């Protein structure tokens, strides 16, 4: 059984985005206990991934899916929405000529 090359294309994009040097890529594969030759780097990453055995490929995919920066949580979405609202408020504030009145909660 083989893993589709399109999967490896996406995995290599994710690795390139997260790991910026060849040395970091080599360390990742060392930590995953995969026997990869020393020529692995950012430029030939997709080719090396295409030649992995199925079991090794599953380990790599599992590792990529655990990188938290790719997956937005509900809190991330709320923070982004609130920051947009805050920017709209900040654009509105300089237009005010008078201080806002305090309105106590009911």
PDB file of N, CA and C in Angstrom:
ATOM      1  N   UNK A   1       0.846  -1.168   0.000  1.00  0.00           N
ATOM      2  CA  UNK A   1       0.000   0.000   0.000  1.00  0.00           C
ATOM      3  C   UNK A   1       0.899   1.240   0.000  1.00  0.00           C
ATOM      4  N   UNK A   2       0.548   2.212  -0.817  1.00  0.00           N
ATOM      5  CA  UNK A   2       1.338   3.446  -0.874  1.00  0.00           C
ATOM      6  C   UNK A   2       0.445   4.631  -0.531  1.00  0.00           C
ATOM      7  N   UNK A   3       1.090   5.700  -0.127  1.00  0.00           N
ATOM      8  CA  UNK A   3       0.379   6.936   0.192  1.00  0.00           C
ATOM      9  C   UNK A   3       0.472   7.846  -1.027  1.00  0.00           C
ATOM     10  N   UNK A   4      -0.628   8.476  -1.356  1.00  0.00           N
ATOM     11  CA  UNK A   4      -0.721   9.287  -2.567  1.00  0.00           C
ATOM     12  C   UNK A   4       0.305  10.425  -2.543  1.00  0.00           C
ATOM     13  N   UNK A   5       0.948  10.702  -3.683  1.00  0.00           N
ATOM     14  CA  UNK A   5       1.951  11.778  -3.743  1.00  0.00           C
ATOM     15  C   UNK A   5       1.415  13.165  -3.376  1.00  0.00           C
ATOM     16  N   UNK A   6       0.125  13.400  -3.565  1.00  0.00           N
ATOM     17  CA  UNK A   6      -0.447  14.695  -3.192  1.00  0.00           C
ATOM     18  C   UNK A   6      -0.373  14.913  -1.680  1.00  0.00           C
ATOM     19  N   UNK A   7      -0.480  13.832  -0.924  1.00  0.00           N
ATOM     20  CA  UNK A   7      -0.354  13.936   0.533  1.00  0.00           C
ATOM     21  C   UNK A   7       1.054  14.389   0.881  1.00  0.00           C
ATOM     22  N   UNK A   8       2.054  13.789   0.220  1.00  0.00           N
ATOM     23  CA  UNK A   8       3.440  14.148   0.501  1.00  0.00           C
ATOM     24  C   UNK A   8       3.756  15.573   0.071  1.00  0.00           C
ATOM     25  N   UNK A   9       3.090  16.029  -0.965  1.00  0.00           N
ATOM     26  CA  UNK A   9       3.292  17.408  -1.396  1.00  0.00           C
ATOM     27  C   UNK A   9       2.838  18.367  -0.302  1.00  0.00           C
ATOM     28  N   UNK A  10       1.675  18.097   0.281  1.00  0.00           N
ATOM     29  CA  UNK A  10       1.160  18.948   1.352  1.00  0.00           C
ATOM     30  C   UNK A  10       2.017  18.827   2.612  1.00  0.00           C
ATOM     31  N   UNK A  11       2.435  17.605   2.959  1.00  0.00           N
ATOM     32  CA  UNK A  11       3.273  17.399   4.136  1.00  0.00           C
ATOM     33  C   UNK A  11       4.588  18.154   3.986  1.00  0.00           C
ATOM     34  N   UNK A  12       5.180  18.102   2.808  1.00  0.00           N
ATOM     35  CA  UNK A  12       6.445  18.805   2.599  1.00  0.00           C
ATOM     36  C   UNK A  12       6.252  20.316   2.694  1.00  0.00           C
ATOM     37  N   UNK A  13       5.112  20.843   2.222  1.00  0.00           N
ATOM     38  CA  UNK A  13       4.823  22.271   2.364  1.00  0.00           C
ATOM     39  C   UNK A  13       4.730  22.647   3.838  1.00  0.00           C
ATOM     40  N   UNK A  14       4.062  21.798   4.607  1.00  0.00           N
ATOM     41  CA  UNK A  14       3.901  22.075   6.027  1.00  0.00           C
ATOM     42  C   UNK A  14       5.246  22.037   6.747  1.00  0.00           C
ATOM     43  N   UNK A  15       6.068  21.047   6.424  1.00  0.00           N
ATOM     44  CA  UNK A  15       7.396  20.962   7.028  1.00  0.00           C
ATOM     45  C   UNK A  15       8.247  22.171   6.641  1.00  0.00           C
ATOM     46  N   UNK A  16       8.178  22.579   5.386  1.00  0.00           N
ATOM     47  CA  UNK A  16       8.967  23.746   4.951  1.00  0.00           C
ATOM     48  C   UNK A  16       8.524  25.019   5.656  1.00  0.00           C
ATOM     49  N   UNK A  17       7.231  25.127   5.901  1.00  0.00           N
ATOM     50  CA  UNK A  17       6.720  26.310   6.586  1.00  0.00           C
ATOM     51  C   UNK A  17       7.182  26.336   8.042  1.00  0.00           C
ATOM     52  N   UNK A  18       7.161  25.167   8.686  1.00  0.00           N
ATOM     53  CA  UNK A  18       7.456  25.123  10.107  1.00  0.00           C
ATOM     54  C   UNK A  18       8.951  25.034  10.402  1.00  0.00           C
ATOM     55  N   UNK A  19       9.697  24.241   9.620  1.00  0.00           N
ATOM     56  CA  UNK A  19      11.131  24.065   9.830  1.00  0.00           C
ATOM     57  C   UNK A  19      11.867  24.805   8.723  1.00  0.00           C
ATOM     58  N   UNK A  20      12.732  25.712   9.091  1.00  0.00           N
ATOM     59  CA  UNK A  20      13.331  26.623   8.116  1.00  0.00           C
ATOM     60  C   UNK A  20      14.684  26.167   7.584  1.00  0.00           C
ATOM     61  N   UNK A  21      15.336  25.179   8.214  1.00  0.00           N
ATOM     62  CA  UNK A  21      16.673  24.774   7.775  1.00  0.00           C
ATOM     63  C   UNK A  21      16.729  23.269   7.546  1.00  0.00           C
ATOM     64  N   UNK A  22      17.748  22.850   6.798  1.00  0.00           N
ATOM     65  CA  UNK A  22      17.951  21.420   6.550  1.00  0.00           C
ATOM     66  C   UNK A  22      18.257  20.673   7.844  1.00  0.00           C
ATOM     67  N   UNK A  23      18.976  21.314   8.735  1.00  0.00           N
ATOM     68  CA  UNK A  23      19.336  20.679   9.998  1.00  0.00           C
ATOM     69  C   UNK A  23      18.100  20.373  10.846  1.00  0.00           C
ATOM     70  N   UNK A  24      17.148  21.288  10.858  1.00  0.00           N
ATOM     71  CA  UNK A  24      15.912  21.046  11.601  1.00  0.00           C
ATOM     72  C   UNK A  24      15.149  19.863  11.022  1.00  0.00           C
ATOM     73  N   UNK A  25      15.104  19.766   9.696  1.00  0.00           N
ATOM     74  CA  UNK A  25      14.428  18.636   9.050  1.00  0.00           C
ATOM     75  C   UNK A  25      15.121  17.324   9.431  1.00  0.00           C
ATOM     76  N   UNK A  26      16.439  17.306   9.419  1.00  0.00           N
ATOM     77  CA  UNK A  26      17.179  16.093   9.791  1.00  0.00           C
ATOM     78  C   UNK A  26      16.883  15.699  11.227  1.00  0.00           C
ATOM     79  N   UNK A  27      16.804  16.686  12.111  1.00  0.00           N
ATOM     80  CA  UNK A  27      16.505  16.391  13.518  1.00  0.00           C
ATOM     81  C   UNK A  27      15.108  15.813  13.694  1.00  0.00           C
ATOM     82  N   UNK A  28      14.161  16.312  12.926  1.00  0.00           N
ATOM     83  CA  UNK A  28      12.795  15.785  13.009  1.00  0.00           C
ATOM     84  C   UNK A  28      12.786  14.299  12.674  1.00  0.00           C
ATOM     85  N   UNK A  29      13.470  13.929  11.606  1.00  0.00           N
ATOM     86  CA  UNK A  29      13.476  12.524  11.210  1.00  0.00           C
ATOM     87  C   UNK A  29      14.285  11.673  12.189  1.00  0.00           C
ATOM     88  N   UNK A  30      15.279  12.257  12.841  1.00  0.00           N
ATOM     89  CA  UNK A  30      16.007  11.527  13.878  1.00  0.00           C
ATOM     90  C   UNK A  30      15.109  11.284  15.080  1.00  0.00           C
ATOM     91  N   UNK A  31      14.345  12.286  15.476  1.00  0.00           N
ATOM     92  CA  UNK A  31      13.433  12.137  16.610  1.00  0.00           C
ATOM     93  C   UNK A  31      12.362  11.100  16.304  1.00  0.00           C
ATOM     94  N   UNK A  32      11.913  11.047  15.058  1.00  0.00           N
ATOM     95  CA  UNK A  32      10.895  10.075  14.665  1.00  0.00           C
ATOM     96  C   UNK A  32      11.470   8.678  14.484  1.00  0.00           C
ATOM     97  N   UNK A  33      12.783   8.532  14.663  1.00  0.00           N
ATOM     98  CA  UNK A  33      13.479   7.240  14.516  1.00  0.00           C
ATOM     99  C   UNK A  33      13.303   6.638  13.130  1.00  0.00           C
ATOM    100  N   UNK A  34      13.399   7.479  12.120  1.00  0.00           N
ATOM    101  CA  UNK A  34      13.309   7.015  10.741  1.00  0.00           C
ATOM    102  C   UNK A  34      14.701   6.981  10.139  1.00  0.00           C
ATOM    103  N   UNK A  35      15.019   5.889   9.444  1.00  0.00           N
ATOM    104  CA  UNK A  35      16.329   5.762   8.808  1.00  0.00           C
ATOM    105  C   UNK A  35      16.301   6.464   7.458  1.00  0.00           C
ATOM    106  N   UNK A  36      16.698   7.714   7.469  1.00  0.00           N
ATOM    107  CA  UNK A  36      16.740   8.527   6.260  1.00  0.00           C
ATOM    108  C   UNK A  36      18.202   8.879   6.024  1.00  0.00           C
ATOM    109  N   UNK A  37      18.604   8.879   4.764  1.00  0.00           N
ATOM    110  CA  UNK A  37      19.999   9.241   4.480  1.00  0.00           C
ATOM    111  C   UNK A  37      20.265  10.703   4.835  1.00  0.00           C
ATOM    112  N   UNK A  38      21.525  11.046   4.944  1.00  0.00           N
ATOM    113  CA  UNK A  38      21.909  12.391   5.387  1.00  0.00           C
ATOM    114  C   UNK A  38      21.679  13.465   4.344  1.00  0.00           C
ATOM    115  N   UNK A  39      21.240  13.108   3.158  1.00  0.00           N
ATOM    116  CA  UNK A  39      21.041  14.108   2.113  1.00  0.00           C
ATOM    117  C   UNK A  39      19.666  14.770   2.180  1.00  0.00           C
ATOM    118  N   UNK A  40      18.871  14.429   3.182  1.00  0.00           N
ATOM    119  CA  UNK A  40      17.537  15.024   3.272  1.00  0.00           C
ATOM    120  C   UNK A  40      17.664  16.510   3.601  1.00  0.00           C
ATOM    121  N   UNK A  41      16.841  17.302   2.957  1.00  0.00           N
ATOM    122  CA  UNK A  41      16.827  18.742   3.172  1.00  0.00           C
ATOM    123  C   UNK A  41      15.532  19.328   2.663  1.00  0.00           C
ATOM    124  N   UNK A  42      15.460  20.620   2.679  1.00  0.00           N
ATOM    125  CA  UNK A  42      14.243  21.290   2.237  1.00  0.00           C
ATOM    126  C   UNK A  42      13.996  21.125   0.747  1.00  0.00           C
ATOM    127  N   UNK A  43      15.064  21.017  -0.034  1.00  0.00           N
ATOM    128  CA  UNK A  43      14.912  20.955  -1.487  1.00  0.00           C
ATOM    129  C   UNK A  43      14.474  19.579  -1.989  1.00  0.00           C
ATOM    130  N   UNK A  44      14.840  18.501  -1.302  1.00  0.00           N
ATOM    131  CA  UNK A  44      14.460  17.162  -1.766  1.00  0.00           C
ATOM    132  C   UNK A  44      13.531  16.449  -0.794  1.00  0.00           C
ATOM    133  N   UNK A  45      12.846  17.191   0.035  1.00  0.00           N
ATOM    134  CA  UNK A  45      11.986  16.616   1.057  1.00  0.00           C
ATOM    135  C   UNK A  45      10.851  15.788   0.473  1.00  0.00           C
ATOM    136  N   UNK A  46      10.206  16.313  -0.542  1.00  0.00           N
ATOM    137  CA  UNK A  46       9.071  15.602  -1.138  1.00  0.00           C
ATOM    138  C   UNK A  46       9.514  14.277  -1.764  1.00  0.00           C
ATOM    139  N   UNK A  47      10.659  14.269  -2.395  1.00  0.00           N
ATOM    140  CA  UNK A  47      11.191  13.046  -3.003  1.00  0.00           C
ATOM    141  C   UNK A  47      11.484  11.979  -1.943  1.00  0.00           C
ATOM    142  N   UNK A  48      12.083  12.406  -0.826  1.00  0.00           N
ATOM    143  CA  UNK A  48      12.383  11.466   0.258  1.00  0.00           C
ATOM    144  C   UNK A  48      11.095  10.923   0.857  1.00  0.00           C
ATOM    145  N   UNK A  49      10.100  11.787   1.038  1.00  0.00           N
ATOM    146  CA  UNK A  49       8.825  11.338   1.597  1.00  0.00           C
ATOM    147  C   UNK A  49       8.125  10.351   0.679  1.00  0.00           C
ATOM    148  N   UNK A  50       8.229  10.544  -0.627  1.00  0.00           N
ATOM    149  CA  UNK A  50       7.606   9.618  -1.580  1.00  0.00           C
ATOM    150  C   UNK A  50       8.197   8.215  -1.500  1.00  0.00           C
ATOM    151  N   UNK A  51       9.441   8.115  -1.050  1.00  0.00           N
ATOM    152  CA  UNK A  51      10.109   6.818  -0.999  1.00  0.00           C
ATOM    153  C   UNK A  51       9.999   6.127   0.352  1.00  0.00           C
ATOM    154  N   UNK A  52       9.231   6.684   1.275  1.00  0.00           N
ATOM    155  CA  UNK A  52       9.076   6.055   2.588  1.00  0.00           C
ATOM    156  C   UNK A  52       8.195   4.817   2.506  1.00  0.00           C
ATOM    157  N   UNK A  53       8.429   3.889   3.419  1.00  0.00           N
ATOM    158  CA  UNK A  53       7.533   2.741   3.565  1.00  0.00           C
ATOM    159  C   UNK A  53       6.213   3.232   4.160  1.00  0.00           C
ATOM    160  N   UNK A  54       5.183   2.424   4.043  1.00  0.00           N
ATOM    161  CA  UNK A  54       3.857   2.822   4.505  1.00  0.00           C
ATOM    162  C   UNK A  54       3.854   3.136   6.002  1.00  0.00           C
ATOM    163  N   UNK A  55       4.456   2.256   6.811  1.00  0.00           N
ATOM    164  CA  UNK A  55       4.471   2.456   8.263  1.00  0.00           C
ATOM    165  C   UNK A  55       5.224   3.734   8.639  1.00  0.00           C
ATOM    166  N   UNK A  56       6.330   3.987   7.970  1.00  0.00           N
ATOM    167  CA  UNK A  56       7.095   5.214   8.233  1.00  0.00           C
ATOM    168  C   UNK A  56       6.300   6.441   7.808  1.00  0.00           C
ATOM    169  N   UNK A  57       5.556   6.306   6.715  1.00  0.00           N
ATOM    170  CA  UNK A  57       4.733   7.418   6.234  1.00  0.00           C
ATOM    171  C   UNK A  57       3.645   7.792   7.222  1.00  0.00           C
ATOM    172  N   UNK A  58       3.050   6.785   7.831  1.00  0.00           N
ATOM    173  CA  UNK A  58       2.009   7.047   8.829  1.00  0.00           C
ATOM    174  C   UNK A  58       2.599   7.785  10.024  1.00  0.00           C
ATOM    175  N   UNK A  59       3.819   7.440  10.413  1.00  0.00           N
ATOM    176  CA  UNK A  59       4.489   8.131  11.525  1.00  0.00           C
ATOM    177  C   UNK A  59       4.715   9.604  11.180  1.00  0.00           C
ATOM    178  N   UNK A  60       5.151   9.864   9.954  1.00  0.00           N
ATOM    179  CA  UNK A  60       5.403  11.247   9.523  1.00  0.00           C
ATOM    180  C   UNK A  60       4.102  12.041   9.485  1.00  0.00           C
ATOM    181  N   UNK A  61       3.049  11.465   8.933  1.00  0.00           N
ATOM    182  CA  UNK A  61       1.763  12.161   8.844  1.00  0.00           C
ATOM    183  C   UNK A  61       1.217  12.445  10.243  1.00  0.00           C
ATOM    184  N   UNK A  62       1.347  11.482  11.144  1.00  0.00           N
ATOM    185  CA  UNK A  62       0.903  11.685  12.523  1.00  0.00           C
ATOM    186  C   UNK A  62       1.667  12.839  13.160  1.00  0.00           C
ATOM    187  N   UNK A  63       2.962  12.919  12.900  1.00  0.00           N
ATOM    188  CA  UNK A  63       3.773  14.004  13.446  1.00  0.00           C
ATOM    189  C   UNK A  63       3.329  15.357  12.903  1.00  0.00           C
ATOM    190  N   UNK A  64       3.054  15.431  11.624  1.00  0.00           N
ATOM    191  CA  UNK A  64       2.626  16.699  11.014  1.00  0.00           C
ATOM    192  C   UNK A  64       1.286  17.144  11.579  1.00  0.00           C
ATOM    193  N   UNK A  65       0.391  16.206  11.791  1.00  0.00           N
ATOM    194  CA  UNK A  65      -0.930  16.566  12.304  1.00  0.00           C
ATOM    195  C   UNK A  65      -0.882  17.061  13.743  1.00  0.00           C
ATOM    196  N   UNK A  66       0.199  16.784  14.454  1.00  0.00           N
ATOM    197  CA  UNK A  66       0.320  17.230  15.840  1.00  0.00           C
ATOM    198  C   UNK A  66       0.961  18.600  15.969  1.00  0.00           C
ATOM    199  N   UNK A  67       1.365  19.223  14.875  1.00  0.00           N
ATOM    200  CA  UNK A  67       1.921  20.574  14.923  1.00  0.00           C
ATOM    201  C   UNK A  67       0.758  21.532  15.127  1.00  0.00           C
ATOM    202  N   UNK A  68       0.735  22.176  16.291  1.00  0.00           N
ATOM    203  CA  UNK A  68      -0.438  22.957  16.684  1.00  0.00           C
ATOM    204  C   UNK A  68      -0.629  24.237  15.880  1.00  0.00           C
ATOM    205  N   UNK A  69       0.432  24.810  15.355  1.00  0.00           N
ATOM    206  CA  UNK A  69       0.309  26.096  14.669  1.00  0.00           C
ATOM    207  C   UNK A  69      -0.528  26.023  13.395  1.00  0.00           C
ATOM    208  N   UNK A  70      -0.766  24.826  12.876  1.00  0.00           N
ATOM    209  CA  UNK A  70      -1.541  24.695  11.642  1.00  0.00           C
ATOM    210  C   UNK A  70      -3.044  24.673  11.897  1.00  0.00           C
ATOM    211  N   UNK A  71      -3.421  24.254  13.081  1.00  0.00           N
ATOM    212  CA  UNK A  71      -4.834  24.003  13.338  1.00  0.00           C
ATOM    213  C   UNK A  71      -5.359  25.054  14.292  1.00  0.00           C
ATOM    214  N   UNK A  72      -6.311  25.830  13.844  1.00  0.00           N
ATOM    215  CA  UNK A  72      -6.863  26.889  14.667  1.00  0.00           C
ATOM    216  C   UNK A  72      -7.898  26.325  15.621  1.00  0.00           C
ATOM    217  N   UNK A  73      -7.819  26.753  16.861  1.00  0.00           N
ATOM    218  CA  UNK A  73      -8.803  26.343  17.851  1.00  0.00           C
ATOM    219  C   UNK A  73      -9.932  27.367  17.870  1.00  0.00           C
ATOM    220  N   UNK A  74     -10.964  27.068  18.622  1.00  0.00           N
ATOM    221  CA  UNK A  74     -12.074  28.004  18.746  1.00  0.00           C
ATOM    222  C   UNK A  74     -11.601  29.303  19.385  1.00  0.00           C
ATOM    223  N   UNK A  75     -10.651  29.206  20.331  1.00  0.00           N
ATOM    224  CA  UNK A  75     -10.121  30.412  20.973  1.00  0.00           C
ATOM    225  C   UNK A  75      -9.398  31.296  19.972  1.00  0.00           C
ATOM    226  N   UNK A  76      -8.662  30.696  19.035  1.00  0.00           N
ATOM    227  CA  UNK A  76      -7.973  31.485  18.011  1.00  0.00           C
ATOM    228  C   UNK A  76      -8.966  32.264  17.168  1.00  0.00           C
ATOM    229  N   UNK A  77     -10.061  31.612  16.804  1.00  0.00           N
ATOM    230  CA  UNK A  77     -11.070  32.281  15.986  1.00  0.00           C
ATOM    231  C   UNK A  77     -11.739  33.419  16.750  1.00  0.00           C
ATOM    232  N   UNK A  78     -11.990  33.207  18.053  1.00  0.00           N
ATOM    233  CA  UNK A  78     -12.606  34.252  18.868  1.00  0.00           C
ATOM    234  C   UNK A  78     -11.661  35.437  19.009  1.00  0.00           C
ATOM    235  N   UNK A  79     -10.370  35.160  19.243  1.00  0.00           N
ATOM    236  CA  UNK A  79      -9.397  36.245  19.357  1.00  0.00           C
ATOM    237  C   UNK A  79      -9.310  37.057  18.074  1.00  0.00           C
ATOM    238  N   UNK A  80      -9.337  36.383  16.943  1.00  0.00           N
ATOM    239  CA  UNK A  80      -9.264  37.091  15.670  1.00  0.00           C
ATOM    240  C   UNK A  80     -10.501  37.960  15.463  1.00  0.00           C
ATOM    241  N   UNK A  81     -11.683  37.405  15.772  1.00  0.00           N
ATOM    242  CA  UNK A  81     -12.916  38.172  15.612  1.00  0.00           C
ATOM    243  C   UNK A  81     -12.926  39.391  16.539  1.00  0.00           C
ATOM    244  N   UNK A  82     -12.487  39.191  17.788  1.00  0.00           N
ATOM    245  CA  UNK A  82     -12.462  40.306  18.737  1.00  0.00           C
ATOM    246  C   UNK A  82     -11.441  41.354  18.334  1.00  0.00           C
ATOM    247  N   UNK A  83     -10.320  40.942  17.768  1.00  0.00           N
ATOM    248  CA  UNK A  83      -9.324  41.928  17.355  1.00  0.00           C
ATOM    249  C   UNK A  83      -9.866  42.764  16.199  1.00  0.00           C
ATOM    250  N   UNK A  84     -10.665  42.148  15.321  1.00  0.00           N
ATOM    251  CA  UNK A  84     -11.290  42.913  14.238  1.00  0.00           C
ATOM    252  C   UNK A  84     -12.265  43.943  14.812  1.00  0.00           C
ATOM    253  N   UNK A  85     -13.041  43.515  15.822  1.00  0.00           N
ATOM    254  CA  UNK A  85     -13.983  44.444  16.449  1.00  0.00           C
ATOM    255  C   UNK A  85     -13.238  45.580  17.139  1.00  0.00           C
ATOM    256  N   UNK A  86     -12.130  45.255  17.802  1.00  0.00           N
ATOM    257  CA  UNK A  86     -11.349  46.285  18.481  1.00  0.00           C
ATOM    258  C   UNK A  86     -10.781  47.285  17.489  1.00  0.00           C
ATOM    259  N   UNK A  87     -10.342  46.821  16.324  1.00  0.00           N
ATOM    260  CA  UNK A  87      -9.813  47.736  15.317  1.00  0.00           C
ATOM    261  C   UNK A  87     -10.906  48.678  14.815  1.00  0.00           C
ATOM    262  N   UNK A  88     -12.125  48.173  14.655  1.00  0.00           N
ATOM    263  CA  UNK A  88     -13.221  49.030  14.234  1.00  0.00           C
ATOM    264  C   UNK A  88     -13.516  50.086  15.296  1.00  0.00           C
ATOM    265  N   UNK A  89     -13.442  49.687  16.561  1.00  0.00           N
ATOM    266  CA  UNK A  89     -13.677  50.622  17.653  1.00  0.00           C
ATOM    267  C   UNK A  89     -12.579  51.682  17.693  1.00  0.00           C
ATOM    268  N   UNK A  90     -11.334  51.265  17.490  1.00  0.00           N
ATOM    269  CA  UNK A  90     -10.229  52.218  17.515  1.00  0.00           C
ATOM    270  C   UNK A  90     -10.325  53.226  16.374  1.00  0.00           C
ATOM    271  N   UNK A  91     -10.869  52.815  15.244  1.00  0.00           N
ATOM    272  CA  UNK A  91     -11.068  53.752  14.135  1.00  0.00           C
ATOM    273  C   UNK A  91     -12.173  54.751  14.464  1.00  0.00           C
ATOM    274  N   UNK A  92     -13.144  54.318  15.259  1.00  0.00           N
ATOM    275  CA  UNK A  92     -14.276  55.164  15.610  1.00  0.00           C
ATOM    276  C   UNK A  92     -13.912  56.181  16.697  1.00  0.00           C
ATOM    277  N   UNK A  93     -13.039  55.804  17.629  1.00  0.00           N
ATOM    278  CA  UNK A  93     -12.747  56.650  18.780  1.00  0.00           C
ATOM    279  C   UNK A  93     -12.187  58.031  18.433  1.00  0.00           C
ATOM    280  N   UNK A  94     -11.263  58.187  17.499  1.00  0.00           N
ATOM    281  CA  UNK A  94     -10.758  59.540  17.227  1.00  0.00           C
ATOM    282  C   UNK A  94     -11.822  60.502  16.714  1.00  0.00           C
ATOM    283  N   UNK A  95     -12.947  59.988  16.242  1.00  0.00           N
ATOM    284  CA  UNK A  95     -13.999  60.851  15.718  1.00  0.00           C
ATOM    285  C   UNK A  95     -14.853  61.460  16.839  1.00  0.00           C
ATOM    286  N   UNK A  96     -14.690  60.954  18.049  1.00  0.00           N
ATOM    287  CA  UNK A  96     -15.493  61.456  19.164  1.00  0.00           C
ATOM    288  C   UNK A  96     -14.941  62.801  19.648  1.00  0.00           C
ATOM    289  N   UNK A  97     -15.831  63.735  19.878  1.00  0.00           N
ATOM    290  CA  UNK A  97     -15.434  65.049  20.406  1.00  0.00           C
ATOM    291  C   UNK A  97     -15.646  65.129  21.915  1.00  0.00           C
ATOM    292  N   UNK A  98     -16.531  64.297  22.443  1.00  0.00           N
ATOM    293  CA  UNK A  98     -16.855  64.332  23.855  1.00  0.00           C
ATOM    294  C   UNK A  98     -16.505  62.982  24.473  1.00  0.00           C
ATOM    295  N   UNK A  99     -16.223  62.976  25.766  1.00  0.00           N
ATOM    296  CA  UNK A  99     -15.987  61.689  26.430  1.00  0.00           C
ATOM    297  C   UNK A  99     -17.275  60.874  26.489  1.00  0.00           C
ATOM    298  N   UNK A 100     -17.141  59.602  26.469  1.00  0.00           N
ATOM    299  CA  UNK A 100     -18.304  58.726  26.555  1.00  0.00           C
ATOM    300  C   UNK A 100     -18.851  58.747  27.981  1.00  0.00           C
ATOM    301  N   UNK A 101     -20.175  58.667  28.108  1.00  0.00           N
ATOM    302  CA  UNK A 101     -20.794  58.638  29.426  1.00  0.00           C
ATOM    303  C   UNK A 101     -20.737  57.234  29.987  1.00  0.00           C
ATOM    304  N   UNK A 102     -20.595  57.147  31.289  1.00  0.00           N
ATOM    305  CA  UNK A 102     -20.597  55.843  31.940  1.00  0.00           C
ATOM    306  C   UNK A 102     -22.024  55.350  32.057  1.00  0.00           C
ATOM    307  N   UNK A 103     -22.264  54.149  31.609  1.00  0.00           N
ATOM    308  CA  UNK A 103     -23.588  53.546  31.724  1.00  0.00           C
ATOM    309  C   UNK A 103     -23.457  52.339  32.646  1.00  0.00           C
ATOM    310  N   UNK A 104     -23.984  52.437  33.877  1.00  0.00           N
ATOM    311  CA  UNK A 104     -23.876  51.320  34.819  1.00  0.00           C
ATOM    312  C   UNK A 104     -24.664  50.119  34.327  1.00  0.00           C
ATOM    313  N   UNK A 105     -24.176  48.920  34.614  1.00  0.00           N
ATOM    314  CA  UNK A 105     -24.921  47.738  34.198  1.00  0.00           C
ATOM    315  C   UNK A 105     -26.224  47.613  34.937  1.00  0.00           C
ATOM    316  N   UNK A 106     -27.198  47.040  34.309  1.00  0.00           N
ATOM    317  CA  UNK A 106     -28.517  46.899  34.919  1.00  0.00           C
ATOM    318  C   UNK A 106     -28.530  45.778  35.939  1.00  0.00           C
TER     319      UNK A 106
END
